[in-house]
Amino acid sequence: MRWVADDHVVDPEALSVLAAACRDREEVRFAYRRHDGDDSRRLVQPHQLVTAGRRWYLVAWDQQRRDWRTMTVARIALAAPVAVIEPAELADTVRRFATHLTASPRETPVASLSEEQ
């Protein structure tokens, strides 16, 4: 998979797989390019897709790290559902996501996918 340098460009197929996994409570495996540029493989329980400015983020329980993570969707490739799961106990994901975003200032307020409809 060729990675796109612009973190604003989202693979529509990956976005579709992630949205369906959030809806259907499916575990998902994918390739992920970390902020430092290194590639990794992730196995997650997706909770919600969120937009902030022109970027999409995935809030998910990361199985390997055993913690909630916020991942930039434009850095996700080859997303594929693995299995239907019982969701991890939900932490205050909105608070965690807001804290993550305020750590790096942005001009645009956070809006969840459900608020846009």
N, C-alpha and C. Protein backbone atom coordinates (compact mmCIF):
# COMPACT_ATOMS: atom_id res chain seq x y z
N MET A 1 0.85 -1.19 0.00
CA MET A 1 0.00 0.00 0.00
C MET A 1 0.88 1.23 0.00
N ARG A 2 0.60 2.18 -0.86
CA ARG A 2 1.35 3.43 -0.92
C ARG A 2 0.67 4.42 0.03
N TRP A 3 1.45 4.94 0.97
CA TRP A 3 0.91 5.90 1.92
C TRP A 3 0.86 7.28 1.31
N VAL A 4 -0.20 8.01 1.55
CA VAL A 4 -0.36 9.37 1.06
C VAL A 4 0.24 10.31 2.08
N ALA A 5 1.03 11.29 1.64
CA ALA A 5 1.70 12.21 2.55
C ALA A 5 0.72 13.12 3.27
N ASP A 6 -0.39 13.45 2.65
CA ASP A 6 -1.37 14.37 3.23
C ASP A 6 -2.29 13.62 4.18
N ASP A 7 -2.23 13.96 5.48
CA ASP A 7 -3.06 13.28 6.48
C ASP A 7 -4.54 13.63 6.36
N HIS A 8 -4.92 14.43 5.39
CA HIS A 8 -6.32 14.78 5.20
C HIS A 8 -7.01 13.85 4.21
N VAL A 9 -6.25 13.08 3.43
CA VAL A 9 -6.81 12.22 2.40
C VAL A 9 -7.15 10.87 3.02
N VAL A 10 -8.44 10.52 2.98
CA VAL A 10 -8.93 9.29 3.60
C VAL A 10 -9.29 8.29 2.51
N ASP A 11 -8.90 7.03 2.73
CA ASP A 11 -9.28 5.94 1.84
C ASP A 11 -10.76 5.67 2.07
N PRO A 12 -11.63 5.90 1.07
CA PRO A 12 -13.07 5.72 1.28
C PRO A 12 -13.45 4.30 1.67
N GLU A 13 -12.71 3.31 1.18
CA GLU A 13 -13.01 1.92 1.54
C GLU A 13 -12.72 1.69 3.02
N ALA A 14 -11.60 2.22 3.52
CA ALA A 14 -11.28 2.08 4.94
C ALA A 14 -12.33 2.78 5.80
N LEU A 15 -12.74 3.97 5.38
CA LEU A 15 -13.76 4.71 6.13
C LEU A 15 -15.07 3.93 6.19
N SER A 16 -15.44 3.31 5.09
CA SER A 16 -16.66 2.50 5.03
C SER A 16 -16.57 1.29 5.95
N VAL A 17 -15.44 0.60 5.93
CA VAL A 17 -15.23 -0.58 6.79
C VAL A 17 -15.30 -0.16 8.26
N LEU A 18 -14.66 0.97 8.61
CA LEU A 18 -14.65 1.43 9.99
C LEU A 18 -16.04 1.85 10.46
N ALA A 19 -16.79 2.54 9.60
CA ALA A 19 -18.15 2.96 9.95
C ALA A 19 -19.04 1.74 10.21
N ALA A 20 -18.94 0.75 9.34
CA ALA A 20 -19.73 -0.47 9.51
C ALA A 20 -19.31 -1.21 10.78
N ALA A 21 -18.03 -1.23 11.08
CA ALA A 21 -17.54 -1.90 12.29
C ALA A 21 -18.03 -1.21 13.56
N CYS A 22 -18.10 0.13 13.53
CA CYS A 22 -18.66 0.87 14.67
C CYS A 22 -20.13 0.50 14.85
N ARG A 23 -20.85 0.47 13.76
CA ARG A 23 -22.29 0.17 13.79
C ARG A 23 -22.55 -1.28 14.23
N ASP A 24 -21.78 -2.21 13.67
CA ASP A 24 -22.03 -3.64 13.87
C ASP A 24 -21.23 -4.26 15.02
N ARG A 25 -20.43 -3.45 15.70
CA ARG A 25 -19.59 -3.92 16.80
C ARG A 25 -18.66 -5.04 16.34
N GLU A 26 -17.92 -4.76 15.27
CA GLU A 26 -16.96 -5.73 14.74
C GLU A 26 -15.54 -5.30 15.08
N GLU A 27 -14.74 -6.27 15.42
CA GLU A 27 -13.32 -6.03 15.61
C GLU A 27 -12.70 -5.84 14.23
N VAL A 28 -11.71 -4.96 14.12
CA VAL A 28 -11.10 -4.66 12.83
C VAL A 28 -9.58 -4.73 12.94
N ARG A 29 -8.96 -5.27 11.88
CA ARG A 29 -7.50 -5.31 11.78
C ARG A 29 -7.11 -4.40 10.61
N PHE A 30 -6.02 -3.63 10.78
CA PHE A 30 -5.57 -2.77 9.70
C PHE A 30 -4.10 -2.39 9.86
N ALA A 31 -3.54 -1.88 8.76
CA ALA A 31 -2.19 -1.31 8.78
C ALA A 31 -2.34 0.15 9.21
N TYR A 32 -1.41 0.62 10.03
CA TYR A 32 -1.48 2.00 10.52
C TYR A 32 -0.10 2.64 10.48
N ARG A 33 -0.04 3.84 9.91
CA ARG A 33 1.22 4.60 9.88
C ARG A 33 1.19 5.55 11.06
N ARG A 34 2.08 5.33 12.01
CA ARG A 34 2.14 6.16 13.20
C ARG A 34 2.61 7.57 12.86
N HIS A 35 2.44 8.48 13.81
CA HIS A 35 2.84 9.88 13.63
C HIS A 35 4.32 10.00 13.28
N ASP A 36 5.16 9.11 13.83
CA ASP A 36 6.60 9.17 13.56
C ASP A 36 6.97 8.54 12.21
N GLY A 37 5.96 8.04 11.48
CA GLY A 37 6.20 7.48 10.15
C GLY A 37 6.37 5.98 10.11
N ASP A 38 6.53 5.33 11.27
CA ASP A 38 6.67 3.87 11.31
C ASP A 38 5.32 3.21 11.05
N ASP A 39 5.36 2.06 10.39
CA ASP A 39 4.15 1.30 10.11
C ASP A 39 3.91 0.27 11.22
N SER A 40 2.66 0.01 11.50
CA SER A 40 2.30 -1.00 12.50
C SER A 40 1.02 -1.69 12.06
N ARG A 41 0.71 -2.80 12.70
CA ARG A 41 -0.56 -3.51 12.49
C ARG A 41 -1.37 -3.32 13.75
N ARG A 42 -2.67 -3.08 13.60
CA ARG A 42 -3.54 -2.85 14.76
C ARG A 42 -4.73 -3.79 14.71
N LEU A 43 -5.18 -4.20 15.89
CA LEU A 43 -6.40 -4.96 16.06
C LEU A 43 -7.20 -4.16 17.08
N VAL A 44 -8.36 -3.61 16.65
CA VAL A 44 -9.11 -2.70 17.51
C VAL A 44 -10.59 -3.04 17.56
N GLN A 45 -11.24 -2.52 18.60
CA GLN A 45 -12.68 -2.55 18.71
C GLN A 45 -13.14 -1.11 18.47
N PRO A 46 -13.58 -0.77 17.26
CA PRO A 46 -13.99 0.60 16.96
C PRO A 46 -15.20 1.03 17.79
N HIS A 47 -15.15 2.27 18.25
CA HIS A 47 -16.28 2.81 19.01
C HIS A 47 -16.99 3.90 18.21
N GLN A 48 -16.23 4.88 17.67
CA GLN A 48 -16.87 5.99 16.97
C GLN A 48 -15.90 6.66 16.02
N LEU A 49 -16.45 7.11 14.89
CA LEU A 49 -15.72 7.97 13.96
C LEU A 49 -16.06 9.41 14.32
N VAL A 50 -15.05 10.27 14.31
CA VAL A 50 -15.22 11.67 14.70
C VAL A 50 -14.49 12.54 13.68
N THR A 51 -15.06 13.71 13.39
CA THR A 51 -14.37 14.67 12.53
C THR A 51 -13.95 15.87 13.35
N ALA A 52 -12.81 16.42 12.97
CA ALA A 52 -12.32 17.67 13.57
C ALA A 52 -11.65 18.41 12.43
N GLY A 53 -12.20 19.55 12.07
CA GLY A 53 -11.67 20.25 10.91
C GLY A 53 -11.87 19.40 9.68
N ARG A 54 -10.81 19.19 8.94
CA ARG A 54 -10.88 18.37 7.73
C ARG A 54 -10.40 16.94 7.98
N ARG A 55 -10.21 16.54 9.22
CA ARG A 55 -9.67 15.22 9.51
C ARG A 55 -10.71 14.31 10.14
N TRP A 56 -10.58 13.01 9.82
CA TRP A 56 -11.39 11.97 10.43
C TRP A 56 -10.52 11.24 11.45
N TYR A 57 -11.13 10.89 12.58
CA TYR A 57 -10.44 10.13 13.62
C TYR A 57 -11.30 8.93 14.00
N LEU A 58 -10.63 7.86 14.43
CA LEU A 58 -11.30 6.68 14.95
C LEU A 58 -10.97 6.57 16.43
N VAL A 59 -12.01 6.52 17.25
CA VAL A 59 -11.85 6.26 18.68
C VAL A 59 -12.11 4.77 18.85
N ALA A 60 -11.11 4.04 19.38
CA ALA A 60 -11.23 2.59 19.45
C ALA A 60 -10.43 2.02 20.62
N TRP A 61 -10.85 0.84 21.07
CA TRP A 61 -10.10 0.09 22.07
C TRP A 61 -9.06 -0.72 21.32
N ASP A 62 -7.78 -0.48 21.62
CA ASP A 62 -6.67 -1.18 20.97
C ASP A 62 -6.38 -2.45 21.77
N GLN A 63 -6.56 -3.59 21.14
CA GLN A 63 -6.39 -4.87 21.83
C GLN A 63 -4.97 -5.08 22.34
N GLN A 64 -3.97 -4.77 21.52
CA GLN A 64 -2.59 -5.02 21.91
C GLN A 64 -2.14 -4.09 23.03
N ARG A 65 -2.53 -2.82 22.95
CA ARG A 65 -2.11 -1.84 23.95
C ARG A 65 -3.02 -1.83 25.18
N ARG A 66 -4.17 -2.50 25.06
CA ARG A 66 -5.15 -2.60 26.13
C ARG A 66 -5.51 -1.22 26.69
N ASP A 67 -5.83 -0.31 25.75
CA ASP A 67 -6.18 1.06 26.12
C ASP A 67 -6.95 1.69 24.96
N TRP A 68 -7.66 2.78 25.27
CA TRP A 68 -8.35 3.55 24.25
C TRP A 68 -7.34 4.34 23.44
N ARG A 69 -7.56 4.40 22.14
CA ARG A 69 -6.68 5.15 21.24
C ARG A 69 -7.53 5.99 20.30
N THR A 70 -6.96 7.10 19.87
CA THR A 70 -7.55 7.94 18.83
C THR A 70 -6.58 7.89 17.66
N MET A 71 -7.06 7.40 16.52
CA MET A 71 -6.21 7.21 15.34
C MET A 71 -6.70 8.05 14.18
N THR A 72 -5.79 8.64 13.45
CA THR A 72 -6.11 9.42 12.26
C THR A 72 -6.49 8.45 11.14
N VAL A 73 -7.71 8.55 10.63
CA VAL A 73 -8.20 7.60 9.63
C VAL A 73 -7.38 7.65 8.35
N ALA A 74 -6.84 8.80 8.00
CA ALA A 74 -6.02 8.89 6.78
C ALA A 74 -4.74 8.06 6.87
N ARG A 75 -4.38 7.62 8.06
CA ARG A 75 -3.19 6.78 8.25
C ARG A 75 -3.53 5.29 8.30
N ILE A 76 -4.80 4.97 8.04
CA ILE A 76 -5.26 3.58 8.08
C ILE A 76 -5.37 3.03 6.66
N ALA A 77 -4.89 1.80 6.47
CA ALA A 77 -4.99 1.14 5.17
C ALA A 77 -5.33 -0.33 5.38
N LEU A 78 -5.92 -0.93 4.38
CA LEU A 78 -6.21 -2.36 4.37
C LEU A 78 -7.07 -2.78 5.56
N ALA A 79 -8.07 -1.98 5.90
CA ALA A 79 -8.95 -2.30 7.02
C ALA A 79 -9.87 -3.46 6.65
N ALA A 80 -9.98 -4.42 7.58
CA ALA A 80 -10.85 -5.57 7.35
C ALA A 80 -11.48 -6.02 8.66
N PRO A 81 -12.80 -6.27 8.65
CA PRO A 81 -13.44 -6.78 9.87
C PRO A 81 -12.92 -8.18 10.19
N VAL A 82 -12.84 -8.47 11.49
CA VAL A 82 -12.33 -9.76 11.94
C VAL A 82 -13.44 -10.60 12.55
N ALA A 83 -14.17 -10.03 13.51
CA ALA A 83 -15.21 -10.79 14.21
C ALA A 83 -16.14 -9.83 14.94
N VAL A 84 -17.35 -10.29 15.19
CA VAL A 84 -18.28 -9.53 16.02
C VAL A 84 -17.80 -9.68 17.46
N ILE A 85 -17.82 -8.59 18.21
CA ILE A 85 -17.27 -8.59 19.56
C ILE A 85 -18.26 -8.02 20.56
N GLU A 86 -18.01 -8.31 21.81
CA GLU A 86 -18.68 -7.62 22.90
C GLU A 86 -17.83 -6.39 23.16
N PRO A 87 -18.39 -5.18 23.08
CA PRO A 87 -17.57 -3.98 23.20
C PRO A 87 -16.89 -3.88 24.56
N ALA A 88 -15.68 -3.32 24.54
CA ALA A 88 -14.96 -3.06 25.79
C ALA A 88 -15.77 -2.07 26.61
N GLU A 89 -15.61 -2.12 27.90
CA GLU A 89 -16.31 -1.17 28.76
C GLU A 89 -15.93 0.23 28.31
N LEU A 90 -16.93 1.08 28.06
CA LEU A 90 -16.65 2.41 27.53
C LEU A 90 -16.11 3.33 28.60
N ALA A 91 -14.99 3.92 28.31
CA ALA A 91 -14.45 4.99 29.14
C ALA A 91 -15.12 6.27 28.67
N ASP A 92 -14.79 7.37 29.24
CA ASP A 92 -15.36 8.64 28.80
C ASP A 92 -14.62 9.04 27.52
N THR A 93 -15.01 8.42 26.39
CA THR A 93 -14.29 8.61 25.14
C THR A 93 -14.36 10.04 24.63
N VAL A 94 -15.46 10.72 24.87
CA VAL A 94 -15.56 12.10 24.41
C VAL A 94 -14.53 12.96 25.14
N ARG A 95 -14.42 12.77 26.45
CA ARG A 95 -13.44 13.53 27.23
C ARG A 95 -12.03 13.21 26.77
N ARG A 96 -11.74 11.92 26.55
CA ARG A 96 -10.40 11.52 26.12
C ARG A 96 -10.07 12.13 24.76
N PHE A 97 -11.03 12.10 23.85
CA PHE A 97 -10.79 12.65 22.52
C PHE A 97 -10.58 14.15 22.59
N ALA A 98 -11.42 14.84 23.36
CA ALA A 98 -11.29 16.29 23.50
C ALA A 98 -9.94 16.66 24.11
N THR A 99 -9.50 15.89 25.10
CA THR A 99 -8.20 16.13 25.73
C THR A 99 -7.09 15.95 24.71
N HIS A 100 -7.21 14.90 23.90
CA HIS A 100 -6.20 14.63 22.87
C HIS A 100 -6.12 15.79 21.87
N LEU A 101 -7.26 16.30 21.44
CA LEU A 101 -7.26 17.39 20.47
C LEU A 101 -6.74 18.69 21.05
N THR A 102 -7.05 18.98 22.31
CA THR A 102 -6.59 20.23 22.90
C THR A 102 -5.10 20.21 23.18
N ALA A 103 -4.49 19.03 23.20
CA ALA A 103 -3.05 18.93 23.38
C ALA A 103 -2.32 19.52 22.18
N SER A 104 -2.95 19.49 21.00
CA SER A 104 -2.39 20.12 19.81
C SER A 104 -3.47 21.06 19.28
N PRO A 105 -3.33 22.36 19.50
CA PRO A 105 -4.40 23.32 19.19
C PRO A 105 -4.90 23.25 17.75
N ARG A 106 -6.21 23.38 17.62
CA ARG A 106 -6.86 23.40 16.31
C ARG A 106 -7.84 24.57 16.32
N GLU A 107 -8.15 25.08 15.15
CA GLU A 107 -9.08 26.19 15.04
C GLU A 107 -10.53 25.75 14.92
N THR A 108 -10.76 24.50 14.55
CA THR A 108 -12.11 24.01 14.28
C THR A 108 -12.61 23.18 15.44
N PRO A 109 -13.87 23.40 15.90
CA PRO A 109 -14.40 22.60 17.00
C PRO A 109 -14.64 21.16 16.58
N VAL A 110 -14.64 20.27 17.56
CA VAL A 110 -14.86 18.84 17.32
C VAL A 110 -16.36 18.59 17.12
N ALA A 111 -16.69 17.79 16.11
CA ALA A 111 -18.08 17.41 15.87
C ALA A 111 -18.11 15.92 15.62
N SER A 112 -19.00 15.22 16.27
CA SER A 112 -19.08 13.78 16.04
C SER A 112 -19.91 13.54 14.79
N LEU A 113 -19.75 12.37 14.24
CA LEU A 113 -20.47 11.99 13.03
C LEU A 113 -21.96 12.09 13.23
N SER A 114 -22.46 11.71 14.40
CA SER A 114 -23.90 11.76 14.64
C SER A 114 -24.43 13.19 14.74
N GLU A 115 -23.58 14.15 15.15
CA GLU A 115 -24.03 15.53 15.24
C GLU A 115 -24.18 16.19 13.88
N GLU A 116 -23.47 15.67 12.86
CA GLU A 116 -23.52 16.27 11.54
C GLU A 116 -24.82 15.96 10.80
N GLN A 117 -25.51 14.92 11.22
CA GLN A 117 -26.71 14.48 10.48
C GLN A 117 -27.89 15.32 10.77
